[in-house]
């Protein structure tokens, strides 16, 4: 390949890459989903205090088990 062909190919690849980046940065707007689409029972909720305590308790047990298995 000649130098001119290599330069043209490099410029074309750079332009293509910039176009792909620009297309990725401009995401199409997403309208909010209507409330009627949400399935009952699938809504996110905050964890209760009892759930948080249970998770902390389980993490503590996991740490104790991991420490025992390291010995």
PDB file of N, CA and C in Angstrom:
ATOM      1  N   UNK A   1       0.842  -1.185   0.000  1.00  0.00           N
ATOM      2  CA  UNK A   1       0.000   0.000   0.000  1.00  0.00           C
ATOM      3  C   UNK A   1       0.883   1.243   0.000  1.00  0.00           C
ATOM      4  N   UNK A   2       0.386   2.219  -0.657  1.00  0.00           N
ATOM      5  CA  UNK A   2       1.138   3.474  -0.687  1.00  0.00           C
ATOM      6  C   UNK A   2       0.852   4.275   0.571  1.00  0.00           C
ATOM      7  N   UNK A   3       1.639   5.288   0.787  1.00  0.00           N
ATOM      8  CA  UNK A   3       1.469   6.132   1.967  1.00  0.00           C
ATOM      9  C   UNK A   3       0.121   6.840   1.935  1.00  0.00           C
ATOM     10  N   UNK A   4      -0.311   7.245   0.753  1.00  0.00           N
ATOM     11  CA  UNK A   4      -1.601   7.934   0.629  1.00  0.00           C
ATOM     12  C   UNK A   4      -2.749   6.989   0.974  1.00  0.00           C
ATOM     13  N   UNK A   5      -2.645   5.741   0.555  1.00  0.00           N
ATOM     14  CA  UNK A   5      -3.692   4.765   0.847  1.00  0.00           C
ATOM     15  C   UNK A   5      -3.737   4.463   2.343  1.00  0.00           C
ATOM     16  N   UNK A   6      -2.565   4.332   2.950  1.00  0.00           N
ATOM     17  CA  UNK A   6      -2.517   4.086   4.391  1.00  0.00           C
ATOM     18  C   UNK A   6      -3.097   5.260   5.170  1.00  0.00           C
ATOM     19  N   UNK A   7      -2.779   6.472   4.735  1.00  0.00           N
ATOM     20  CA  UNK A   7      -3.311   7.661   5.392  1.00  0.00           C
ATOM     21  C   UNK A   7      -4.824   7.735   5.241  1.00  0.00           C
ATOM     22  N   UNK A   8      -5.326   7.440   4.049  1.00  0.00           N
ATOM     23  CA  UNK A   8      -6.771   7.469   3.815  1.00  0.00           C
ATOM     24  C   UNK A   8      -7.475   6.421   4.674  1.00  0.00           C
ATOM     25  N   UNK A   9      -6.863   5.244   4.779  1.00  0.00           N
ATOM     26  CA  UNK A   9      -7.458   4.179   5.597  1.00  0.00           C
ATOM     27  C   UNK A   9      -7.478   4.580   7.072  1.00  0.00           C
ATOM     28  N   UNK A  10      -6.399   5.170   7.551  1.00  0.00           N
ATOM     29  CA  UNK A  10      -6.336   5.593   8.948  1.00  0.00           C
ATOM     30  C   UNK A  10      -7.368   6.674   9.242  1.00  0.00           C
ATOM     31  N   UNK A  11      -7.507   7.629   8.339  1.00  0.00           N
ATOM     32  CA  UNK A  11      -8.497   8.697   8.522  1.00  0.00           C
ATOM     33  C   UNK A  11      -9.905   8.113   8.529  1.00  0.00           C
ATOM     34  N   UNK A  12     -10.171   7.169   7.641  1.00  0.00           N
ATOM     35  CA  UNK A  12     -11.497   6.546   7.589  1.00  0.00           C
ATOM     36  C   UNK A  12     -11.797   5.804   8.889  1.00  0.00           C
ATOM     37  N   UNK A  13     -10.809   5.113   9.440  1.00  0.00           N
ATOM     38  CA  UNK A  13     -11.019   4.387  10.696  1.00  0.00           C
ATOM     39  C   UNK A  13     -11.252   5.347  11.855  1.00  0.00           C
ATOM     40  N   UNK A  14     -10.533   6.455  11.871  1.00  0.00           N
ATOM     41  CA  UNK A  14     -10.723   7.443  12.933  1.00  0.00           C
ATOM     42  C   UNK A  14     -12.109   8.057  12.846  1.00  0.00           C
ATOM     43  N   UNK A  15     -12.540   8.402  11.632  1.00  0.00           N
ATOM     44  CA  UNK A  15     -13.869   8.995  11.450  1.00  0.00           C
ATOM     45  C   UNK A  15     -14.948   8.002  11.864  1.00  0.00           C
ATOM     46  N   UNK A  16     -14.781   6.744  11.493  1.00  0.00           N
ATOM     47  CA  UNK A  16     -15.756   5.716  11.878  1.00  0.00           C
ATOM     48  C   UNK A  16     -15.799   5.560  13.397  1.00  0.00           C
ATOM     49  N   UNK A  17     -14.644   5.541  14.031  1.00  0.00           N
ATOM     50  CA  UNK A  17     -14.598   5.424  15.489  1.00  0.00           C
ATOM     51  C   UNK A  17     -15.261   6.593  16.179  1.00  0.00           C
ATOM     52  N   UNK A  18     -15.002   7.803  15.695  1.00  0.00           N
ATOM     53  CA  UNK A  18     -15.633   8.985  16.286  1.00  0.00           C
ATOM     54  C   UNK A  18     -17.144   8.960  16.090  1.00  0.00           C
ATOM     55  N   UNK A  19     -17.596   8.486  14.933  1.00  0.00           N
ATOM     56  CA  UNK A  19     -19.037   8.396  14.691  1.00  0.00           C
ATOM     57  C   UNK A  19     -19.685   7.395  15.645  1.00  0.00           C
ATOM     58  N   UNK A  20     -19.010   6.278  15.882  1.00  0.00           N
ATOM     59  CA  UNK A  20     -19.552   5.280  16.815  1.00  0.00           C
ATOM     60  C   UNK A  20     -19.593   5.823  18.237  1.00  0.00           C
ATOM     61  N   UNK A  21     -18.569   6.552  18.631  1.00  0.00           N
ATOM     62  CA  UNK A  21     -18.553   7.150  19.967  1.00  0.00           C
ATOM     63  C   UNK A  21     -19.671   8.169  20.097  1.00  0.00           C
ATOM     64  N   UNK A  22     -19.841   8.996  19.073  1.00  0.00           N
ATOM     65  CA  UNK A  22     -20.902  10.006  19.113  1.00  0.00           C
ATOM     66  C   UNK A  22     -22.275   9.350  19.178  1.00  0.00           C
ATOM     67  N   UNK A  23     -22.457   8.261  18.451  1.00  0.00           N
ATOM     68  CA  UNK A  23     -23.744   7.564  18.483  1.00  0.00           C
ATOM     69  C   UNK A  23     -23.991   6.950  19.856  1.00  0.00           C
ATOM     70  N   UNK A  24     -22.941   6.461  20.496  1.00  0.00           N
ATOM     71  CA  UNK A  24     -23.090   5.875  21.826  1.00  0.00           C
ATOM     72  C   UNK A  24     -23.362   6.911  22.893  1.00  0.00           C
ATOM     73  N   UNK A  25     -22.852   8.114  22.709  1.00  0.00           N
ATOM     74  CA  UNK A  25     -23.051   9.160  23.706  1.00  0.00           C
ATOM     75  C   UNK A  25     -24.425   9.798  23.618  1.00  0.00           C
ATOM     76  N   UNK A  26     -25.060   9.690  22.473  1.00  0.00           N
ATOM     77  CA  UNK A  26     -26.385  10.297  22.301  1.00  0.00           C
ATOM     78  C   UNK A  26     -27.432   9.192  22.328  1.00  0.00           C
ATOM     79  N   UNK A  27     -27.733   8.704  23.503  1.00  0.00           N
ATOM     80  CA  UNK A  27     -28.730   7.645  23.656  1.00  0.00           C
ATOM     81  C   UNK A  27     -30.119   8.215  23.406  1.00  0.00           C
ATOM     82  N   UNK A  28     -30.987   7.443  22.797  1.00  0.00           N
ATOM     83  CA  UNK A  28     -32.345   7.933  22.561  1.00  0.00           C
ATOM     84  C   UNK A  28     -33.075   8.140  23.884  1.00  0.00           C
ATOM     85  N   UNK A  29     -33.925   9.136  23.966  1.00  0.00           N
ATOM     86  CA  UNK A  29     -34.653   9.367  25.213  1.00  0.00           C
ATOM     87  C   UNK A  29     -35.613   8.215  25.507  1.00  0.00           C
ATOM     88  N   UNK A  30     -35.680   7.849  26.755  1.00  0.00           N
ATOM     89  CA  UNK A  30     -36.555   6.755  27.173  1.00  0.00           C
ATOM     90  C   UNK A  30     -37.719   7.348  27.947  1.00  0.00           C
ATOM     91  N   UNK A  31     -38.936   7.197  27.427  1.00  0.00           N
ATOM     92  CA  UNK A  31     -40.084   7.738  28.155  1.00  0.00           C
ATOM     93  C   UNK A  31     -40.351   6.919  29.415  1.00  0.00           C
ATOM     94  N   UNK A  32     -40.875   7.534  30.450  1.00  0.00           N
ATOM     95  CA  UNK A  32     -41.180   6.773  31.666  1.00  0.00           C
ATOM     96  C   UNK A  32     -42.285   5.750  31.402  1.00  0.00           C
ATOM     97  N   UNK A  33     -42.152   4.612  32.031  1.00  0.00           N
ATOM     98  CA  UNK A  33     -43.147   3.556  31.852  1.00  0.00           C
ATOM     99  C   UNK A  33     -44.432   3.947  32.558  1.00  0.00           C
ATOM    100  N   UNK A  34     -45.564   3.671  31.937  1.00  0.00           N
ATOM    101  CA  UNK A  34     -46.832   3.970  32.609  1.00  0.00           C
ATOM    102  C   UNK A  34     -46.998   3.113  33.860  1.00  0.00           C
ATOM    103  N   UNK A  35     -47.696   3.624  34.827  1.00  0.00           N
ATOM    104  CA  UNK A  35     -47.880   2.923  36.103  1.00  0.00           C
ATOM    105  C   UNK A  35     -48.634   1.614  35.928  1.00  0.00           C
ATOM    106  N   UNK A  36     -49.457   1.509  34.898  1.00  0.00           N
ATOM    107  CA  UNK A  36     -50.251   0.299  34.706  1.00  0.00           C
ATOM    108  C   UNK A  36     -49.397  -0.873  34.236  1.00  0.00           C
ATOM    109  N   UNK A  37     -48.166  -0.616  33.735  1.00  0.00           N
ATOM    110  CA  UNK A  37     -47.317  -1.697  33.247  1.00  0.00           C
ATOM    111  C   UNK A  37     -46.632  -2.469  34.368  1.00  0.00           C
ATOM    112  N   UNK A  38     -46.482  -1.856  35.524  1.00  0.00           N
ATOM    113  CA  UNK A  38     -45.745  -2.531  36.591  1.00  0.00           C
ATOM    114  C   UNK A  38     -46.567  -3.693  37.137  1.00  0.00           C
ATOM    115  N   UNK A  39     -45.900  -4.816  37.294  1.00  0.00           N
ATOM    116  CA  UNK A  39     -46.568  -6.003  37.813  1.00  0.00           C
ATOM    117  C   UNK A  39     -46.683  -5.894  39.323  1.00  0.00           C
ATOM    118  N   UNK A  40     -47.794  -6.306  39.890  1.00  0.00           N
ATOM    119  CA  UNK A  40     -47.933  -6.234  41.343  1.00  0.00           C
ATOM    120  C   UNK A  40     -46.957  -7.182  42.034  1.00  0.00           C
ATOM    121  N   UNK A  41     -46.376  -6.720  43.111  1.00  0.00           N
ATOM    122  CA  UNK A  41     -45.463  -7.551  43.876  1.00  0.00           C
ATOM    123  C   UNK A  41     -44.017  -7.456  43.437  1.00  0.00           C
ATOM    124  N   UNK A  42     -43.715  -6.718  42.375  1.00  0.00           N
ATOM    125  CA  UNK A  42     -42.349  -6.619  41.896  1.00  0.00           C
ATOM    126  C   UNK A  42     -41.722  -5.262  42.187  1.00  0.00           C
ATOM    127  N   UNK A  43     -42.364  -4.461  43.005  1.00  0.00           N
ATOM    128  CA  UNK A  43     -41.817  -3.146  43.323  1.00  0.00           C
ATOM    129  C   UNK A  43     -40.685  -3.303  44.336  1.00  0.00           C
ATOM    130  N   UNK A  44     -39.659  -2.437  44.217  1.00  0.00           N
ATOM    131  CA  UNK A  44     -38.568  -2.432  45.178  1.00  0.00           C
ATOM    132  C   UNK A  44     -39.021  -1.732  46.438  1.00  0.00           C
ATOM    133  N   UNK A  45     -38.555  -2.211  47.554  1.00  0.00           N
ATOM    134  CA  UNK A  45     -38.879  -1.575  48.822  1.00  0.00           C
ATOM    135  C   UNK A  45     -37.623  -1.542  49.667  1.00  0.00           C
ATOM    136  N   UNK A  46     -37.630  -0.689  50.649  1.00  0.00           N
ATOM    137  CA  UNK A  46     -36.496  -0.623  51.572  1.00  0.00           C
ATOM    138  C   UNK A  46     -36.505  -1.844  52.477  1.00  0.00           C
ATOM    139  N   UNK A  47     -35.316  -2.241  52.881  1.00  0.00           N
ATOM    140  CA  UNK A  47     -35.216  -3.367  53.805  1.00  0.00           C
ATOM    141  C   UNK A  47     -35.694  -2.933  55.181  1.00  0.00           C
ATOM    142  N   UNK A  48     -36.315  -3.857  55.873  1.00  0.00           N
ATOM    143  CA  UNK A  48     -36.756  -3.564  57.234  1.00  0.00           C
ATOM    144  C   UNK A  48     -35.559  -3.678  58.179  1.00  0.00           C
ATOM    145  N   UNK A  49     -35.715  -3.159  59.385  1.00  0.00           N
ATOM    146  CA  UNK A  49     -34.642  -3.255  60.378  1.00  0.00           C
ATOM    147  C   UNK A  49     -34.319  -4.714  60.687  1.00  0.00           C
ATOM    148  N   UNK A  50     -35.341  -5.552  60.745  1.00  0.00           N
ATOM    149  CA  UNK A  50     -35.119  -6.976  61.022  1.00  0.00           C
ATOM    150  C   UNK A  50     -34.304  -7.623  59.896  1.00  0.00           C
ATOM    151  N   UNK A  51     -34.585  -7.257  58.649  1.00  0.00           N
ATOM    152  CA  UNK A  51     -33.819  -7.805  57.528  1.00  0.00           C
ATOM    153  C   UNK A  51     -32.365  -7.340  57.584  1.00  0.00           C
ATOM    154  N   UNK A  52     -32.156  -6.085  57.906  1.00  0.00           N
ATOM    155  CA  UNK A  52     -30.786  -5.570  58.013  1.00  0.00           C
ATOM    156  C   UNK A  52     -30.019  -6.295  59.115  1.00  0.00           C
ATOM    157  N   UNK A  53     -30.663  -6.523  60.260  1.00  0.00           N
ATOM    158  CA  UNK A  53     -30.004  -7.244  61.355  1.00  0.00           C
ATOM    159  C   UNK A  53     -29.667  -8.673  60.933  1.00  0.00           C
ATOM    160  N   UNK A  54     -30.575  -9.310  60.212  1.00  0.00           N
ATOM    161  CA  UNK A  54     -30.334 -10.679  59.755  1.00  0.00           C
ATOM    162  C   UNK A  54     -29.153 -10.719  58.783  1.00  0.00           C
ATOM    163  N   UNK A  55     -29.068  -9.746  57.886  1.00  0.00           N
ATOM    164  CA  UNK A  55     -27.938  -9.703  56.947  1.00  0.00           C
ATOM    165  C   UNK A  55     -26.629  -9.488  57.688  1.00  0.00           C
ATOM    166  N   UNK A  56     -26.624  -8.603  58.690  1.00  0.00           N
ATOM    167  CA  UNK A  56     -25.413  -8.367  59.481  1.00  0.00           C
ATOM    168  C   UNK A  56     -25.017  -9.632  60.241  1.00  0.00           C
ATOM    169  N   UNK A  57     -26.006 -10.304  60.796  1.00  0.00           N
ATOM    170  CA  UNK A  57     -25.760 -11.549  61.529  1.00  0.00           C
ATOM    171  C   UNK A  57     -25.161 -12.600  60.595  1.00  0.00           C
ATOM    172  N   UNK A  58     -25.732 -12.712  59.394  1.00  0.00           N
ATOM    173  CA  UNK A  58     -25.235 -13.697  58.436  1.00  0.00           C
ATOM    174  C   UNK A  58     -23.815 -13.355  57.991  1.00  0.00           C
ATOM    175  N   UNK A  59     -23.530 -12.058  57.774  1.00  0.00           N
ATOM    176  CA  UNK A  59     -22.177 -11.643  57.408  1.00  0.00           C
ATOM    177  C   UNK A  59     -21.183 -11.990  58.513  1.00  0.00           C
ATOM    178  N   UNK A  60     -21.592 -11.781  59.767  1.00  0.00           N
ATOM    179  CA  UNK A  60     -20.729 -12.110  60.897  1.00  0.00           C
ATOM    180  C   UNK A  60     -20.434 -13.606  60.929  1.00  0.00           C
ATOM    181  N   UNK A  61     -21.463 -14.428  60.746  1.00  0.00           N
ATOM    182  CA  UNK A  61     -21.252 -15.872  60.715  1.00  0.00           C
ATOM    183  C   UNK A  61     -20.334 -16.270  59.562  1.00  0.00           C
ATOM    184  N   UNK A  62     -20.515 -15.641  58.394  1.00  0.00           N
ATOM    185  CA  UNK A  62     -19.660 -15.945  57.247  1.00  0.00           C
ATOM    186  C   UNK A  62     -18.206 -15.583  57.531  1.00  0.00           C
ATOM    187  N   UNK A  63     -17.988 -14.435  58.196  1.00  0.00           N
ATOM    188  CA  UNK A  63     -16.623 -14.037  58.544  1.00  0.00           C
ATOM    189  C   UNK A  63     -15.999 -15.009  59.535  1.00  0.00           C
ATOM    190  N   UNK A  64     -16.789 -15.446  60.518  1.00  0.00           N
ATOM    191  CA  UNK A  64     -16.287 -16.411  61.502  1.00  0.00           C
ATOM    192  C   UNK A  64     -15.926 -17.721  60.813  1.00  0.00           C
ATOM    193  N   UNK A  65     -16.797 -18.201  59.916  1.00  0.00           N
ATOM    194  CA  UNK A  65     -16.519 -19.438  59.188  1.00  0.00           C
ATOM    195  C   UNK A  65     -15.270 -19.300  58.321  1.00  0.00           C
ATOM    196  N   UNK A  66     -15.115 -18.155  57.672  1.00  0.00           N
ATOM    197  CA  UNK A  66     -13.942 -17.941  56.823  1.00  0.00           C
ATOM    198  C   UNK A  66     -12.671 -17.930  57.660  1.00  0.00           C
ATOM    199  N   UNK A  67     -12.730 -17.317  58.826  1.00  0.00           N
ATOM    200  CA  UNK A  67     -11.560 -17.260  59.714  1.00  0.00           C
ATOM    201  C   UNK A  67     -11.204 -18.666  60.197  1.00  0.00           C
ATOM    202  N   UNK A  68     -12.224 -19.468  60.532  1.00  0.00           N
ATOM    203  CA  UNK A  68     -11.971 -20.836  60.991  1.00  0.00           C
ATOM    204  C   UNK A  68     -11.347 -21.674  59.882  1.00  0.00           C
ATOM    205  N   UNK A  69     -11.804 -21.489  58.653  1.00  0.00           N
ATOM    206  CA  UNK A  69     -11.286 -22.307  57.555  1.00  0.00           C
ATOM    207  C   UNK A  69      -9.862 -21.910  57.178  1.00  0.00           C
ATOM    208  N   UNK A  70      -9.430 -20.701  57.561  1.00  0.00           N
ATOM    209  CA  UNK A  70      -8.063 -20.262  57.278  1.00  0.00           C
ATOM    210  C   UNK A  70      -7.056 -20.895  58.227  1.00  0.00           C
ATOM    211  N   UNK A  71      -7.502 -21.385  59.380  1.00  0.00           N
ATOM    212  CA  UNK A  71      -6.586 -21.966  60.377  1.00  0.00           C
ATOM    213  C   UNK A  71      -6.094 -23.318  59.949  1.00  0.00           C
TER     214      UNK A  71
END
